[in-house]
Amino acid sequence: MKLFQLHESVTLNHHQRYILLQVKLAATPTLAFDQTSRSEADVRSREMLAVLGLIRRSEATNEVQLTSDGEQALINYGLIDEHGEVTEVAQELLDSHQS
């Protein structure tokens, strides 16, 4: 049984969704780590996503990668479509963190 299946009833908060999306959009796993290390809230969200099995992180190499469960969570939340493209909902989430 996958870890994500154990946590299907868990609802990701706004910031956790944003961090998951940042991992997806980062050009490299190292950039994903950097982009999810900017604040204490970022790090806490990243750690919870790792506990849930939605991302894999390596402190030794400072890398973060999306898992297949993380990819499915992005689809389930309407942040990416079935082709992996960012949706309007995702763009609104990204824009809300720019202001």
C-alpha atoms as a PDB file:
ATOM      1  CA  MET A   1       0.000   0.000   0.000  1.00  0.00           C
ATOM      2  CA  LYS A   2       1.372   3.402  -0.961  1.00  0.00           C
ATOM      3  CA  LEU A   3       1.911   5.998   1.745  1.00  0.00           C
ATOM      4  CA  PHE A   4      -0.345   8.450  -0.102  1.00  0.00           C
ATOM      5  CA  GLN A   5      -3.198   5.969   0.097  1.00  0.00           C
ATOM      6  CA  LEU A   6      -2.822   6.009   3.865  1.00  0.00           C
ATOM      7  CA  HIS A   7      -3.270   9.763   3.850  1.00  0.00           C
ATOM      8  CA  GLU A   8      -6.004  10.304   1.258  1.00  0.00           C
ATOM      9  CA  SER A   9      -8.149  11.994   3.901  1.00  0.00           C
ATOM     10  CA  VAL A  10      -5.393  14.565   4.545  1.00  0.00           C
ATOM     11  CA  THR A  11      -6.087  17.907   2.918  1.00  0.00           C
ATOM     12  CA  LEU A  12      -3.081  19.953   1.921  1.00  0.00           C
ATOM     13  CA  ASN A  13      -3.230  23.565   2.982  1.00  0.00           C
ATOM     14  CA  HIS A  14      -2.701  26.491   0.625  1.00  0.00           C
ATOM     15  CA  HIS A  15       1.016  26.771   1.358  1.00  0.00           C
ATOM     16  CA  GLN A  16       1.650  23.031   1.029  1.00  0.00           C
ATOM     17  CA  ARG A  17      -0.013  23.086  -2.396  1.00  0.00           C
ATOM     18  CA  TYR A  18       2.181  26.021  -3.368  1.00  0.00           C
ATOM     19  CA  ILE A  19       5.351  24.208  -2.261  1.00  0.00           C
ATOM     20  CA  LEU A  20       4.304  21.038  -4.104  1.00  0.00           C
ATOM     21  CA  LEU A  21       3.769  23.123  -7.231  1.00  0.00           C
ATOM     22  CA  GLN A  22       7.164  24.817  -6.763  1.00  0.00           C
ATOM     23  CA  VAL A  23       8.828  21.398  -6.706  1.00  0.00           C
ATOM     24  CA  LYS A  24       7.031  20.447  -9.930  1.00  0.00           C
ATOM     25  CA  LEU A  25       8.015  23.656 -11.714  1.00  0.00           C
ATOM     26  CA  ALA A  26      11.652  23.829 -10.617  1.00  0.00           C
ATOM     27  CA  ALA A  27      14.138  23.233 -13.425  1.00  0.00           C
ATOM     28  CA  THR A  28      16.294  20.936 -11.271  1.00  0.00           C
ATOM     29  CA  PRO A  29      15.993  19.096  -7.942  1.00  0.00           C
ATOM     30  CA  THR A  30      18.599  21.482  -6.485  1.00  0.00           C
ATOM     31  CA  LEU A  31      16.559  24.524  -7.517  1.00  0.00           C
ATOM     32  CA  ALA A  32      13.483  22.855  -6.033  1.00  0.00           C
ATOM     33  CA  PHE A  33      15.336  22.555  -2.724  1.00  0.00           C
ATOM     34  CA  ASP A  34      16.417  26.203  -2.871  1.00  0.00           C
ATOM     35  CA  GLN A  35      12.927  27.430  -3.773  1.00  0.00           C
ATOM     36  CA  THR A  36      11.386  25.487  -0.900  1.00  0.00           C
ATOM     37  CA  SER A  37      13.924  26.670   1.679  1.00  0.00           C
ATOM     38  CA  ARG A  38      13.175  30.395   1.657  1.00  0.00           C
ATOM     39  CA  SER A  39      11.224  30.553   4.899  1.00  0.00           C
ATOM     40  CA  GLU A  40      10.394  28.484   7.944  1.00  0.00           C
ATOM     41  CA  ALA A  41       6.888  27.949   6.549  1.00  0.00           C
ATOM     42  CA  ASP A  42       8.390  26.645   3.293  1.00  0.00           C
ATOM     43  CA  VAL A  43      10.593  24.165   5.140  1.00  0.00           C
ATOM     44  CA  ARG A  44       7.745  22.976   7.395  1.00  0.00           C
ATOM     45  CA  SER A  45       5.508  22.460   4.356  1.00  0.00           C
ATOM     46  CA  ARG A  46       8.272  20.648   2.490  1.00  0.00           C
ATOM     47  CA  GLU A  47       8.889  18.353   5.454  1.00  0.00           C
ATOM     48  CA  MET A  48       5.198  17.458   5.734  1.00  0.00           C
ATOM     49  CA  LEU A  49       5.027  16.731   2.002  1.00  0.00           C
ATOM     50  CA  ALA A  50       7.993  14.387   2.444  1.00  0.00           C
ATOM     51  CA  VAL A  51       6.291  12.630   5.375  1.00  0.00           C
ATOM     52  CA  LEU A  52       3.207  12.136   3.203  1.00  0.00           C
ATOM     53  CA  GLY A  53       5.360  10.664   0.422  1.00  0.00           C
ATOM     54  CA  LEU A  54       4.501  13.404  -2.067  1.00  0.00           C
ATOM     55  CA  ILE A  55       8.119  14.482  -2.469  1.00  0.00           C
ATOM     56  CA  ARG A  56      11.530  12.920  -1.903  1.00  0.00           C
ATOM     57  CA  ARG A  57      14.208  15.090  -0.356  1.00  0.00           C
ATOM     58  CA  SER A  58      17.878  14.646   0.232  1.00  0.00           C
ATOM     59  CA  GLU A  59      19.504  16.922   2.765  1.00  0.00           C
ATOM     60  CA  ALA A  60      22.880  15.425   1.808  1.00  0.00           C
ATOM     61  CA  THR A  61      22.606  16.676  -1.778  1.00  0.00           C
ATOM     62  CA  ASN A  62      20.121  19.525  -1.187  1.00  0.00           C
ATOM     63  CA  GLU A  63      17.656  18.093  -3.693  1.00  0.00           C
ATOM     64  CA  VAL A  64      13.872  17.725  -3.716  1.00  0.00           C
ATOM     65  CA  GLN A  65      11.892  15.714  -6.268  1.00  0.00           C
ATOM     66  CA  LEU A  66       8.217  15.079  -6.846  1.00  0.00           C
ATOM     67  CA  THR A  67       7.022  11.481  -6.433  1.00  0.00           C
ATOM     68  CA  SER A  68       4.311   9.892  -8.558  1.00  0.00           C
ATOM     69  CA  ASP A  69       1.950  10.404  -5.606  1.00  0.00           C
ATOM     70  CA  GLY A  70       2.906  14.082  -5.568  1.00  0.00           C
ATOM     71  CA  GLU A  71       2.182  14.333  -9.274  1.00  0.00           C
ATOM     72  CA  GLN A  72      -1.220  12.707  -8.678  1.00  0.00           C
ATOM     73  CA  ALA A  73      -1.942  15.127  -5.824  1.00  0.00           C
ATOM     74  CA  LEU A  74      -1.260  18.060  -8.179  1.00  0.00           C
ATOM     75  CA  ILE A  75      -3.764  16.578 -10.630  1.00  0.00           C
ATOM     76  CA  ASN A  76      -6.298  15.903  -7.866  1.00  0.00           C
ATOM     77  CA  TYR A  77      -6.062  19.520  -6.674  1.00  0.00           C
ATOM     78  CA  GLY A  78      -6.462  20.782 -10.243  1.00  0.00           C
ATOM     79  CA  LEU A  79      -3.002  22.363 -10.303  1.00  0.00           C
ATOM     80  CA  ILE A  80      -1.816  20.458 -13.356  1.00  0.00           C
ATOM     81  CA  ASP A  81      -3.755  18.712 -16.069  1.00  0.00           C
ATOM     82  CA  GLU A  82      -3.323  15.123 -17.230  1.00  0.00           C
ATOM     83  CA  HIS A  83      -0.488  16.266 -19.528  1.00  0.00           C
ATOM     84  CA  GLY A  84       1.437  17.890 -16.675  1.00  0.00           C
ATOM     85  CA  GLU A  85       0.620  21.425 -17.774  1.00  0.00           C
ATOM     86  CA  VAL A  86      -0.072  24.146 -15.210  1.00  0.00           C
ATOM     87  CA  THR A  87      -3.750  25.032 -14.910  1.00  0.00           C
ATOM     88  CA  GLU A  88      -5.439  28.378 -14.305  1.00  0.00           C
ATOM     89  CA  VAL A  89      -5.944  27.340 -10.670  1.00  0.00           C
ATOM     90  CA  ALA A  90      -2.176  26.810 -10.350  1.00  0.00           C
ATOM     91  CA  GLN A  91      -1.436  30.170 -11.953  1.00  0.00           C
ATOM     92  CA  GLU A  92      -3.743  31.858  -9.457  1.00  0.00           C
ATOM     93  CA  LEU A  93      -1.921  30.086  -6.615  1.00  0.00           C
ATOM     94  CA  LEU A  94       1.452  31.206  -7.965  1.00  0.00           C
ATOM     95  CA  ASP A  95       0.200  34.776  -8.428  1.00  0.00           C
ATOM     96  CA  SER A  96      -1.134  34.872  -4.867  1.00  0.00           C
ATOM     97  CA  HIS A  97       2.393  34.222  -3.569  1.00  0.00           C
ATOM     98  CA  GLN A  98       3.925  36.940  -5.745  1.00  0.00           C
ATOM     99  CA  SER A  99       2.009  39.741  -4.053  1.00  0.00           C
END
